[in-house]
Amino acid sequence: MQNRMPEPLRVLLEQLVRLPGLGPKSAMRLAMTLLKWPESETRRLGLGIHDLRDNLRLCSRCGGLSSAEVCDICADAARANDTLCLVAEWDSMLTLEEGGFYRGQYMILGGLLDPLEHKNSGSLDIDKLVRRLCEGEVTELILALGATLEAENTASFIRSAVRGRFPKVRVSRLAQGIPLGAEVKFMDRETLRQSLQFRQELVP
């Protein structure tokens, strides 16, 4: 079938299947959809992809995507400088921002420790975190890395590294446990363990 395919279509399919979640059949459906679009729309899409690479950069402060050297969040003078929320990826920062309940600073670690995927401490942006803490403004580092095994291992690594070099910086993590509306009998063992570990006192 590949031999009968027009060269431009074959090249496009080879590129599309490299995207996450797209197999050969999904890529073909997407290509056929693009061929049905008006020419102006397909050109607009292509230009958008081109501009994405040309006009986006990593924020020099937090490592998030930005159209300027410093992103809007880091440039906001109204945000607190004493709390730094560490997230694994940029989309986690977006999720927290959409809630509107955190008004401190962020830093993107660039992933999680995962030996099976050959992601060790060298693949994380530890140096940028150290430089940020060396500025002396941050008094609390909030680990918002999730509740997976990789997140737990990464949190332990970060906690040890920070406490050894910055003893005055408080290291905290997002509360974890039984979600609102759930019953104990349906919880997995790890969720129950963390619920007990991070239990809270009931104040009269």
N, C-alpha and C. Protein backbone atom coordinates (compact mmCIF):
# COMPACT_ATOMS: atom_id res chain seq x y z
N MET A 1 0.83 -1.20 0.00
CA MET A 1 0.00 0.00 0.00
C MET A 1 0.86 1.26 0.00
N GLN A 2 1.99 1.21 0.74
CA GLN A 2 2.87 2.37 0.80
C GLN A 2 3.41 2.73 -0.59
N ASN A 3 3.65 1.70 -1.41
CA ASN A 3 4.20 1.95 -2.74
C ASN A 3 3.21 2.68 -3.65
N ARG A 4 1.92 2.50 -3.40
CA ARG A 4 0.91 3.13 -4.24
C ARG A 4 0.54 4.54 -3.73
N MET A 5 1.06 4.92 -2.61
CA MET A 5 0.70 6.18 -2.00
C MET A 5 1.46 7.33 -2.65
N PRO A 6 0.79 8.46 -2.90
CA PRO A 6 1.52 9.64 -3.39
C PRO A 6 2.58 10.06 -2.38
N GLU A 7 3.72 10.48 -2.88
CA GLU A 7 4.85 10.81 -2.02
C GLU A 7 4.51 11.83 -0.94
N PRO A 8 3.81 12.95 -1.24
CA PRO A 8 3.50 13.92 -0.17
C PRO A 8 2.67 13.32 0.96
N LEU A 9 1.72 12.43 0.62
CA LEU A 9 0.89 11.79 1.63
C LEU A 9 1.71 10.84 2.48
N ARG A 10 2.60 10.09 1.86
CA ARG A 10 3.44 9.15 2.59
C ARG A 10 4.34 9.88 3.59
N VAL A 11 4.92 10.99 3.14
CA VAL A 11 5.80 11.77 4.02
C VAL A 11 5.02 12.32 5.21
N LEU A 12 3.80 12.83 4.94
CA LEU A 12 2.98 13.37 6.01
C LEU A 12 2.62 12.29 7.03
N LEU A 13 2.25 11.11 6.55
CA LEU A 13 1.88 10.01 7.45
C LEU A 13 3.07 9.59 8.32
N GLU A 14 4.25 9.58 7.75
CA GLU A 14 5.45 9.22 8.52
C GLU A 14 5.68 10.21 9.66
N GLN A 15 5.33 11.47 9.42
CA GLN A 15 5.49 12.49 10.46
C GLN A 15 4.38 12.39 11.50
N LEU A 16 3.15 12.14 11.05
CA LEU A 16 2.02 12.10 11.97
C LEU A 16 2.10 10.93 12.95
N VAL A 17 2.56 9.78 12.50
CA VAL A 17 2.61 8.61 13.38
C VAL A 17 3.64 8.78 14.50
N ARG A 18 4.49 9.79 14.40
CA ARG A 18 5.46 10.06 15.46
C ARG A 18 4.83 10.83 16.61
N LEU A 19 3.62 11.35 16.40
CA LEU A 19 2.92 12.07 17.46
C LEU A 19 2.32 11.07 18.45
N PRO A 20 2.30 11.41 19.75
CA PRO A 20 1.74 10.48 20.75
C PRO A 20 0.26 10.21 20.52
N GLY A 21 -0.12 8.94 20.60
CA GLY A 21 -1.53 8.57 20.46
C GLY A 21 -2.00 8.37 19.03
N LEU A 22 -1.11 8.56 18.07
CA LEU A 22 -1.51 8.41 16.67
C LEU A 22 -0.83 7.18 16.06
N GLY A 23 -1.64 6.18 15.73
CA GLY A 23 -1.14 5.03 15.00
C GLY A 23 -1.34 5.26 13.51
N PRO A 24 -0.99 4.28 12.67
CA PRO A 24 -1.12 4.43 11.22
C PRO A 24 -2.55 4.75 10.76
N LYS A 25 -3.55 4.08 11.34
CA LYS A 25 -4.93 4.33 10.93
C LYS A 25 -5.41 5.71 11.35
N SER A 26 -5.07 6.11 12.58
CA SER A 26 -5.46 7.44 13.05
C SER A 26 -4.77 8.52 12.23
N ALA A 27 -3.51 8.28 11.88
CA ALA A 27 -2.78 9.25 11.07
C ALA A 27 -3.41 9.39 9.69
N MET A 28 -3.86 8.26 9.14
CA MET A 28 -4.51 8.31 7.82
C MET A 28 -5.82 9.09 7.89
N ARG A 29 -6.61 8.87 8.96
CA ARG A 29 -7.87 9.61 9.12
C ARG A 29 -7.61 11.10 9.25
N LEU A 30 -6.58 11.45 9.99
CA LEU A 30 -6.23 12.86 10.16
C LEU A 30 -5.79 13.47 8.84
N ALA A 31 -4.98 12.74 8.08
CA ALA A 31 -4.52 13.24 6.78
C ALA A 31 -5.70 13.43 5.82
N MET A 32 -6.63 12.48 5.82
CA MET A 32 -7.80 12.61 4.95
C MET A 32 -8.67 13.80 5.35
N THR A 33 -8.75 14.06 6.65
CA THR A 33 -9.51 15.22 7.14
C THR A 33 -8.85 16.51 6.66
N LEU A 34 -7.52 16.57 6.75
CA LEU A 34 -6.80 17.77 6.30
C LEU A 34 -6.99 18.02 4.81
N LEU A 35 -7.06 16.94 4.04
CA LEU A 35 -7.25 17.08 2.60
C LEU A 35 -8.63 17.63 2.25
N LYS A 36 -9.60 17.43 3.15
CA LYS A 36 -10.95 17.95 2.92
C LYS A 36 -11.10 19.40 3.37
N TRP A 37 -10.16 19.88 4.15
CA TRP A 37 -10.22 21.27 4.61
C TRP A 37 -9.99 22.22 3.44
N PRO A 38 -10.49 23.44 3.55
CA PRO A 38 -10.14 24.46 2.54
C PRO A 38 -8.64 24.71 2.58
N GLU A 39 -8.07 25.05 1.46
CA GLU A 39 -6.62 25.25 1.38
C GLU A 39 -6.15 26.31 2.38
N SER A 40 -6.96 27.35 2.58
CA SER A 40 -6.56 28.42 3.50
C SER A 40 -6.41 27.90 4.93
N GLU A 41 -7.28 26.94 5.31
CA GLU A 41 -7.22 26.40 6.67
C GLU A 41 -6.00 25.51 6.88
N THR A 42 -5.67 24.70 5.88
CA THR A 42 -4.49 23.84 6.01
C THR A 42 -3.21 24.68 6.05
N ARG A 43 -3.18 25.74 5.26
CA ARG A 43 -2.01 26.63 5.28
C ARG A 43 -1.91 27.34 6.63
N ARG A 44 -3.07 27.70 7.18
CA ARG A 44 -3.08 28.37 8.49
C ARG A 44 -2.55 27.43 9.58
N LEU A 45 -2.93 26.15 9.49
CA LEU A 45 -2.45 25.16 10.45
C LEU A 45 -0.93 25.00 10.33
N GLY A 46 -0.46 24.89 9.10
CA GLY A 46 0.98 24.76 8.88
C GLY A 46 1.75 25.95 9.40
N LEU A 47 1.20 27.16 9.18
CA LEU A 47 1.85 28.37 9.67
C LEU A 47 1.86 28.41 11.20
N GLY A 48 0.76 27.91 11.80
CA GLY A 48 0.69 27.88 13.26
C GLY A 48 1.76 26.98 13.85
N ILE A 49 2.00 25.82 13.22
CA ILE A 49 3.05 24.91 13.68
C ILE A 49 4.42 25.55 13.51
N HIS A 50 4.61 26.23 12.38
CA HIS A 50 5.87 26.91 12.11
C HIS A 50 6.13 28.00 13.15
N ASP A 51 5.11 28.81 13.42
CA ASP A 51 5.24 29.92 14.38
C ASP A 51 5.44 29.40 15.81
N LEU A 52 4.86 28.22 16.09
CA LEU A 52 5.01 27.63 17.42
C LEU A 52 6.48 27.45 17.76
N ARG A 53 7.24 26.95 16.81
CA ARG A 53 8.67 26.72 17.03
C ARG A 53 9.46 28.02 17.00
N ASP A 54 9.04 28.97 16.18
CA ASP A 54 9.80 30.21 16.02
C ASP A 54 9.56 31.20 17.15
N ASN A 55 8.33 31.24 17.66
CA ASN A 55 7.95 32.31 18.59
C ASN A 55 7.87 31.89 20.05
N LEU A 56 7.91 30.58 20.33
CA LEU A 56 7.87 30.12 21.71
C LEU A 56 9.26 29.82 22.22
N ARG A 57 9.48 30.08 23.50
CA ARG A 57 10.75 29.77 24.14
C ARG A 57 10.48 29.34 25.57
N LEU A 58 11.49 28.91 26.27
CA LEU A 58 11.35 28.55 27.67
C LEU A 58 11.63 29.78 28.53
N CYS A 59 10.75 30.03 29.49
CA CYS A 59 10.94 31.14 30.42
C CYS A 59 12.25 30.94 31.19
N SER A 60 13.05 31.99 31.27
CA SER A 60 14.34 31.89 31.93
C SER A 60 14.23 31.72 33.44
N ARG A 61 13.04 32.00 34.00
CA ARG A 61 12.84 31.88 35.44
C ARG A 61 12.27 30.52 35.84
N CYS A 62 11.15 30.14 35.22
CA CYS A 62 10.46 28.92 35.65
C CYS A 62 10.62 27.74 34.69
N GLY A 63 11.02 28.01 33.45
CA GLY A 63 11.17 26.93 32.48
C GLY A 63 9.90 26.62 31.72
N GLY A 64 8.84 27.42 31.92
CA GLY A 64 7.58 27.22 31.20
C GLY A 64 7.63 27.82 29.81
N LEU A 65 6.66 27.47 28.99
CA LEU A 65 6.59 28.02 27.64
C LEU A 65 6.16 29.48 27.69
N SER A 66 6.81 30.28 26.88
CA SER A 66 6.53 31.71 26.89
C SER A 66 6.87 32.31 25.53
N SER A 67 6.25 33.45 25.22
CA SER A 67 6.60 34.17 24.00
C SER A 67 7.65 35.23 24.29
N ALA A 68 8.01 35.41 25.56
CA ALA A 68 9.04 36.36 25.97
C ALA A 68 10.07 35.65 26.82
N GLU A 69 11.16 36.33 27.13
CA GLU A 69 12.22 35.70 27.93
C GLU A 69 11.71 35.30 29.31
N VAL A 70 10.84 36.16 29.90
CA VAL A 70 10.22 35.87 31.18
C VAL A 70 8.71 35.80 30.98
N CYS A 71 8.08 34.72 31.43
CA CYS A 71 6.64 34.52 31.21
C CYS A 71 5.82 35.49 32.05
N ASP A 72 4.52 35.57 31.73
CA ASP A 72 3.63 36.51 32.42
C ASP A 72 3.52 36.21 33.91
N ILE A 73 3.56 34.92 34.27
CA ILE A 73 3.43 34.55 35.69
C ILE A 73 4.65 35.03 36.47
N CYS A 74 5.83 34.77 35.95
CA CYS A 74 7.05 35.18 36.65
C CYS A 74 7.21 36.70 36.67
N ALA A 75 6.67 37.37 35.66
CA ALA A 75 6.79 38.83 35.57
C ALA A 75 5.75 39.56 36.41
N ASP A 76 4.79 38.83 36.97
CA ASP A 76 3.72 39.44 37.75
C ASP A 76 4.25 39.85 39.13
N ALA A 77 4.37 41.16 39.34
CA ALA A 77 4.92 41.68 40.60
C ALA A 77 3.99 41.43 41.78
N ALA A 78 2.72 41.10 41.52
CA ALA A 78 1.76 40.87 42.61
C ALA A 78 1.88 39.47 43.21
N ARG A 79 2.63 38.61 42.59
CA ARG A 79 2.77 37.25 43.10
C ARG A 79 3.83 37.18 44.19
N ALA A 80 3.61 36.28 45.16
CA ALA A 80 4.55 36.13 46.27
C ALA A 80 5.84 35.47 45.78
N ASN A 81 6.96 35.91 46.32
CA ASN A 81 8.26 35.36 45.93
C ASN A 81 8.81 34.36 46.94
N ASP A 82 8.11 34.18 48.07
CA ASP A 82 8.65 33.32 49.12
C ASP A 82 8.20 31.86 48.99
N THR A 83 7.23 31.57 48.12
CA THR A 83 6.81 30.18 47.90
C THR A 83 7.10 29.80 46.45
N LEU A 84 7.67 28.62 46.27
CA LEU A 84 8.02 28.11 44.95
C LEU A 84 7.39 26.74 44.79
N CYS A 85 6.50 26.61 43.82
CA CYS A 85 5.80 25.35 43.57
C CYS A 85 6.53 24.60 42.45
N LEU A 86 7.04 23.43 42.77
CA LEU A 86 7.79 22.63 41.81
C LEU A 86 6.88 21.61 41.14
N VAL A 87 6.76 21.68 39.82
CA VAL A 87 5.92 20.75 39.06
C VAL A 87 6.79 20.01 38.05
N ALA A 88 6.31 18.86 37.59
CA ALA A 88 7.10 18.05 36.66
C ALA A 88 7.09 18.64 35.26
N GLU A 89 5.92 19.06 34.80
CA GLU A 89 5.78 19.55 33.43
C GLU A 89 4.94 20.82 33.38
N TRP A 90 4.99 21.49 32.24
CA TRP A 90 4.31 22.77 32.06
C TRP A 90 2.80 22.65 32.20
N ASP A 91 2.21 21.55 31.71
CA ASP A 91 0.76 21.42 31.77
C ASP A 91 0.27 21.28 33.22
N SER A 92 1.11 20.77 34.12
CA SER A 92 0.73 20.72 35.53
C SER A 92 0.63 22.13 36.11
N MET A 93 1.53 23.00 35.69
CA MET A 93 1.48 24.39 36.12
C MET A 93 0.20 25.06 35.62
N LEU A 94 -0.18 24.79 34.39
CA LEU A 94 -1.41 25.36 33.84
C LEU A 94 -2.63 24.92 34.64
N THR A 95 -2.66 23.65 35.02
CA THR A 95 -3.79 23.12 35.79
C THR A 95 -3.90 23.84 37.13
N LEU A 96 -2.77 24.03 37.81
CA LEU A 96 -2.79 24.73 39.09
C LEU A 96 -3.21 26.19 38.91
N GLU A 97 -2.75 26.80 37.83
CA GLU A 97 -3.08 28.20 37.59
C GLU A 97 -4.56 28.41 37.31
N GLU A 98 -5.17 27.44 36.63
CA GLU A 98 -6.59 27.55 36.30
C GLU A 98 -7.45 27.59 37.56
N GLY A 99 -6.96 27.00 38.65
CA GLY A 99 -7.72 27.02 39.90
C GLY A 99 -7.78 28.40 40.52
N GLY A 100 -6.74 29.21 40.30
CA GLY A 100 -6.71 30.57 40.81
C GLY A 100 -6.47 30.69 42.30
N PHE A 101 -6.06 29.59 42.96
CA PHE A 101 -5.91 29.62 44.42
C PHE A 101 -4.44 29.68 44.86
N TYR A 102 -3.50 29.65 43.93
CA TYR A 102 -2.09 29.75 44.29
C TYR A 102 -1.52 31.01 43.66
N ARG A 103 -0.85 31.84 44.46
CA ARG A 103 -0.34 33.12 43.98
C ARG A 103 1.16 33.26 44.21
N GLY A 104 1.85 32.13 44.26
CA GLY A 104 3.30 32.17 44.41
C GLY A 104 4.00 31.95 43.08
N GLN A 105 5.23 31.50 43.15
CA GLN A 105 6.05 31.27 41.96
C GLN A 105 6.07 29.78 41.60
N TYR A 106 6.47 29.48 40.36
CA TYR A 106 6.56 28.10 39.89
C TYR A 106 7.97 27.82 39.39
N MET A 107 8.27 26.53 39.33
CA MET A 107 9.44 26.06 38.59
C MET A 107 9.11 24.70 38.01
N ILE A 108 9.51 24.48 36.76
CA ILE A 108 9.24 23.22 36.07
C ILE A 108 10.49 22.36 36.09
N LEU A 109 10.35 21.17 36.63
CA LEU A 109 11.48 20.27 36.81
C LEU A 109 11.92 19.60 35.51
N GLY A 110 10.97 19.42 34.60
CA GLY A 110 11.31 18.80 33.32
C GLY A 110 11.14 17.30 33.29
N GLY A 111 10.31 16.78 34.20
CA GLY A 111 10.05 15.34 34.23
C GLY A 111 10.19 14.77 35.63
N LEU A 112 10.23 13.45 35.70
CA LEU A 112 10.37 12.73 36.97
C LEU A 112 11.45 11.67 36.83
N LEU A 113 12.02 11.28 37.95
CA LEU A 113 13.00 10.20 37.92
C LEU A 113 12.32 8.90 37.51
N ASP A 114 12.86 8.25 36.50
CA ASP A 114 12.29 7.00 36.01
C ASP A 114 13.40 6.17 35.38
N PRO A 115 14.05 5.30 36.18
CA PRO A 115 15.17 4.50 35.66
C PRO A 115 14.79 3.65 34.45
N LEU A 116 13.55 3.16 34.41
CA LEU A 116 13.14 2.32 33.29
C LEU A 116 13.12 3.08 31.98
N GLU A 117 12.90 4.40 32.06
CA GLU A 117 12.91 5.25 30.87
C GLU A 117 14.23 6.01 30.74
N HIS A 118 15.22 5.59 31.52
CA HIS A 118 16.55 6.20 31.51
C HIS A 118 16.51 7.69 31.86
N LYS A 119 15.61 8.04 32.78
CA LYS A 119 15.52 9.43 33.24
C LYS A 119 16.08 9.49 34.66
N ASN A 120 17.34 9.93 34.76
CA ASN A 120 17.97 10.06 36.07
C ASN A 120 18.03 11.53 36.46
N SER A 121 18.72 11.82 37.55
CA SER A 121 18.75 13.20 38.04
C SER A 121 19.38 14.16 37.03
N GLY A 122 20.23 13.64 36.15
CA GLY A 122 20.84 14.49 35.13
C GLY A 122 19.87 14.99 34.09
N SER A 123 18.73 14.32 33.96
CA SER A 123 17.73 14.74 32.97
C SER A 123 16.76 15.78 33.53
N LEU A 124 16.86 16.07 34.83
CA LEU A 124 15.99 17.06 35.47
C LEU A 124 16.74 18.38 35.62
N ASP A 125 15.97 19.47 35.72
CA ASP A 125 16.57 20.80 35.79
C ASP A 125 16.89 21.16 37.24
N ILE A 126 17.74 20.36 37.87
CA ILE A 126 18.10 20.57 39.27
C ILE A 126 18.93 21.84 39.44
N ASP A 127 19.82 22.10 38.49
CA ASP A 127 20.70 23.26 38.59
C ASP A 127 19.91 24.56 38.64
N LYS A 128 18.85 24.64 37.84
CA LYS A 128 18.03 25.85 37.83
C LYS A 128 17.31 26.01 39.17
N LEU A 129 16.86 24.91 39.76
CA LEU A 129 16.22 24.96 41.07
C LEU A 129 17.20 25.44 42.13
N VAL A 130 18.43 24.94 42.09
CA VAL A 130 19.45 25.35 43.06
C VAL A 130 19.74 26.84 42.92
N ARG A 131 19.87 27.31 41.68
CA ARG A 131 20.14 28.73 41.46
C ARG A 131 19.01 29.59 42.00
N ARG A 132 17.78 29.12 41.83
CA ARG A 132 16.62 29.88 42.31
C ARG A 132 16.63 29.95 43.84
N LEU A 133 16.93 28.85 44.49
CA LEU A 133 16.97 28.83 45.95
C LEU A 133 18.13 29.65 46.50
N CYS A 134 19.21 29.71 45.74
CA CYS A 134 20.38 30.49 46.16
C CYS A 134 20.08 31.99 46.20
N GLU A 135 19.04 32.43 45.51
CA GLU A 135 18.66 33.84 45.54
C GLU A 135 18.22 34.28 46.93
N GLY A 136 17.77 33.33 47.75
CA GLY A 136 17.45 33.62 49.13
C GLY A 136 16.03 34.09 49.41
N GLU A 137 15.20 34.20 48.39
CA GLU A 137 13.82 34.68 48.60
C GLU A 137 12.86 33.58 49.00
N VAL A 138 13.09 32.38 48.51
CA VAL A 138 12.17 31.27 48.74
C VAL A 138 12.32 30.71 50.15
N THR A 139 11.22 30.68 50.89
CA THR A 139 11.22 30.10 52.24
C THR A 139 10.47 28.77 52.28
N GLU A 140 9.66 28.49 51.25
CA GLU A 140 8.94 27.21 51.18
C GLU A 140 8.94 26.68 49.76
N LEU A 141 9.36 25.44 49.62
CA LEU A 141 9.33 24.74 48.34
C LEU A 141 8.19 23.73 48.38
N ILE A 142 7.21 23.90 47.52
CA ILE A 142 6.04 23.01 47.48
C ILE A 142 6.24 21.99 46.37
N LEU A 143 6.27 20.72 46.73
CA LEU A 143 6.43 19.66 45.73
C LEU A 143 5.05 19.24 45.23
N ALA A 144 4.74 19.60 43.99
CA ALA A 144 3.47 19.24 43.36
C ALA A 144 3.77 18.31 42.19
N LEU A 145 4.23 17.11 42.53
CA LEU A 145 4.74 16.18 41.52
C LEU A 145 3.81 15.00 41.25
N GLY A 146 2.73 14.88 42.01
CA GLY A 146 1.81 13.77 41.81
C GLY A 146 2.00 12.69 42.85
N ALA A 147 1.33 11.55 42.64
CA ALA A 147 1.35 10.48 43.63
C ALA A 147 1.79 9.14 43.04
N THR A 148 2.47 9.18 41.90
CA THR A 148 2.98 7.94 41.30
C THR A 148 4.27 7.53 41.99
N LEU A 149 4.73 6.32 41.70
CA LEU A 149 5.99 5.85 42.27
C LEU A 149 7.14 6.74 41.82
N GLU A 150 7.12 7.16 40.55
CA GLU A 150 8.16 8.05 40.02
C GLU A 150 8.14 9.39 40.74
N ALA A 151 6.92 9.90 41.01
CA ALA A 151 6.80 11.17 41.72
C ALA A 151 7.32 11.06 43.15
N GLU A 152 7.03 9.94 43.80
CA GLU A 152 7.50 9.72 45.17
C GLU A 152 9.02 9.67 45.22
N ASN A 153 9.62 8.96 44.27
CA ASN A 153 11.08 8.86 44.23
C ASN A 153 11.72 10.22 43.96
N THR A 154 11.10 10.97 43.06
CA THR A 154 11.61 12.31 42.73
C THR A 154 11.49 13.24 43.93
N ALA A 155 10.35 13.17 44.62
CA ALA A 155 10.14 14.02 45.80
C ALA A 155 11.18 13.72 46.88
N SER A 156 11.48 12.44 47.10
CA SER A 156 12.49 12.07 48.10
C SER A 156 13.86 12.60 47.71
N PHE A 157 14.18 12.51 46.43
CA PHE A 157 15.47 13.01 45.94
C PHE A 157 15.57 14.52 46.13
N ILE A 158 14.53 15.26 45.74
CA ILE A 158 14.52 16.72 45.87
C ILE A 158 14.59 17.12 47.34
N ARG A 159 13.80 16.44 48.18
CA ARG A 159 13.77 16.77 49.60
C ARG A 159 15.16 16.63 50.23
N SER A 160 15.85 15.54 49.92
CA SER A 160 17.19 15.32 50.48
C SER A 160 18.18 16.37 49.98
N ALA A 161 18.09 16.68 48.69
CA ALA A 161 19.02 17.65 48.11
C ALA A 161 18.82 19.04 48.69
N VAL A 162 17.57 19.43 48.87
CA VAL A 162 17.27 20.78 49.37
C VAL A 162 17.59 20.90 50.85
N ARG A 163 17.20 19.91 51.64
CA ARG A 163 17.43 20.00 53.09
C ARG A 163 18.91 20.00 53.43
N GLY A 164 19.70 19.34 52.62
CA GLY A 164 21.13 19.33 52.89
C GLY A 164 21.80 20.65 52.62
N ARG A 165 21.34 21.36 51.59
CA ARG A 165 22.00 22.60 51.19
C ARG A 165 21.25 23.85 51.64
N PHE A 166 19.94 23.74 51.79
CA PHE A 166 19.13 24.90 52.17
C PHE A 166 18.27 24.54 53.39
N PRO A 167 18.87 24.39 54.55
CA PRO A 167 18.13 23.93 55.74
C PRO A 167 17.01 24.88 56.18
N LYS A 168 17.08 26.14 55.79
CA LYS A 168 16.07 27.10 56.21
C LYS A 168 14.84 27.09 55.30
N VAL A 169 14.93 26.39 54.17
CA VAL A 169 13.79 26.30 53.24
C VAL A 169 12.89 25.15 53.66
N ARG A 170 11.64 25.47 53.94
CA ARG A 170 10.67 24.44 54.30
C ARG A 170 10.25 23.68 53.03
N VAL A 171 10.28 22.37 53.07
CA VAL A 171 9.86 21.54 51.93
C VAL A 171 8.52 20.90 52.28
N SER A 172 7.50 21.20 51.48
CA SER A 172 6.18 20.65 51.71
C SER A 172 5.70 19.93 50.44
N ARG A 173 4.56 19.29 50.55
CA ARG A 173 3.99 18.60 49.39
C ARG A 173 2.49 18.77 49.40
N LEU A 174 1.87 18.55 48.26
CA LEU A 174 0.42 18.63 48.20
C LEU A 174 -0.16 17.51 49.06
N ALA A 175 -1.24 17.81 49.79
CA ALA A 175 -1.91 16.79 50.60
C ALA A 175 -2.44 15.70 49.69
N GLN A 176 -2.31 14.47 50.14
CA GLN A 176 -2.78 13.34 49.34
C GLN A 176 -3.62 12.43 50.21
N GLY A 177 -4.56 11.76 49.61
CA GLY A 177 -5.39 10.84 50.37
C GLY A 177 -6.70 10.57 49.68
N ILE A 178 -7.72 10.28 50.47
CA ILE A 178 -9.03 9.91 49.93
C ILE A 178 -9.71 11.14 49.34
N PRO A 179 -10.10 11.09 48.08
CA PRO A 179 -10.75 12.25 47.46
C PRO A 179 -12.16 12.46 47.99
N LEU A 180 -12.64 13.68 47.86
CA LEU A 180 -13.97 14.03 48.32
C LEU A 180 -15.02 13.19 47.59
N GLY A 181 -15.94 12.60 48.35
CA GLY A 181 -17.01 11.81 47.76
C GLY A 181 -16.70 10.33 47.61
N ALA A 182 -15.48 9.93 47.99
CA ALA A 182 -15.09 8.52 47.83
C ALA A 182 -15.26 7.77 49.15
N GLU A 183 -15.38 6.45 49.05
CA GLU A 183 -15.51 5.59 50.23
C GLU A 183 -14.22 4.82 50.45
N VAL A 184 -13.94 4.57 51.74
CA VAL A 184 -12.70 3.89 52.11
C VAL A 184 -12.59 2.53 51.43
N LYS A 185 -13.69 1.80 51.35
CA LYS A 185 -13.65 0.43 50.84
C LYS A 185 -13.23 0.36 49.36
N PHE A 186 -13.32 1.49 48.65
CA PHE A 186 -12.95 1.49 47.23
C PHE A 186 -11.54 2.03 46.99
N MET A 187 -10.83 2.40 48.06
CA MET A 187 -9.51 2.99 47.91
C MET A 187 -8.43 1.92 47.77
N ASP A 188 -7.39 2.23 46.99
CA ASP A 188 -6.26 1.31 46.89
C ASP A 188 -5.35 1.47 48.10
N ARG A 189 -4.46 0.52 48.27
CA ARG A 189 -3.62 0.47 49.47
C ARG A 189 -2.75 1.71 49.62
N GLU A 190 -2.14 2.19 48.53
CA GLU A 190 -1.25 3.33 48.61
C GLU A 190 -2.00 4.60 49.00
N THR A 191 -3.22 4.78 48.47
CA THR A 191 -4.03 5.94 48.84
C THR A 191 -4.37 5.91 50.32
N LEU A 192 -4.73 4.73 50.82
CA LEU A 192 -5.05 4.60 52.25
C LEU A 192 -3.81 4.85 53.11
N ARG A 193 -2.65 4.37 52.67
CA ARG A 193 -1.43 4.60 53.42
C ARG A 193 -1.13 6.09 53.55
N GLN A 194 -1.25 6.81 52.43
CA GLN A 194 -0.97 8.24 52.46
C GLN A 194 -2.04 9.00 53.24
N SER A 195 -3.27 8.52 53.20
CA SER A 195 -4.34 9.16 53.96
C SER A 195 -4.07 9.08 55.45
N LEU A 196 -3.56 7.94 55.89
CA LEU A 196 -3.21 7.78 57.30
C LEU A 196 -1.96 8.60 57.66
N GLN A 197 -0.98 8.57 56.76
CA GLN A 197 0.27 9.27 57.03
C GLN A 197 0.07 10.78 57.13
N PHE A 198 -0.79 11.34 56.26
CA PHE A 198 -1.01 12.78 56.23
C PHE A 198 -2.36 13.16 56.84
N ARG A 199 -2.78 12.37 57.84
CA ARG A 199 -4.04 12.66 58.49
C ARG A 199 -3.98 14.01 59.22
N GLN A 200 -5.14 14.64 59.40
CA GLN A 200 -5.21 15.96 60.04
C GLN A 200 -6.00 15.89 61.32
N GLU A 201 -5.60 16.70 62.28
CA GLU A 201 -6.31 16.78 63.55
C GLU A 201 -7.63 17.53 63.38
N LEU A 202 -8.69 17.02 63.99
CA LEU A 202 -9.98 17.69 63.96
C LEU A 202 -10.03 18.72 65.08
N VAL A 203 -10.16 19.96 64.68
CA VAL A 203 -10.19 21.05 65.66
C VAL A 203 -11.62 21.27 66.12
N PRO A 204 -11.88 21.33 67.45
CA PRO A 204 -13.24 21.52 67.96
C PRO A 204 -13.84 22.84 67.46
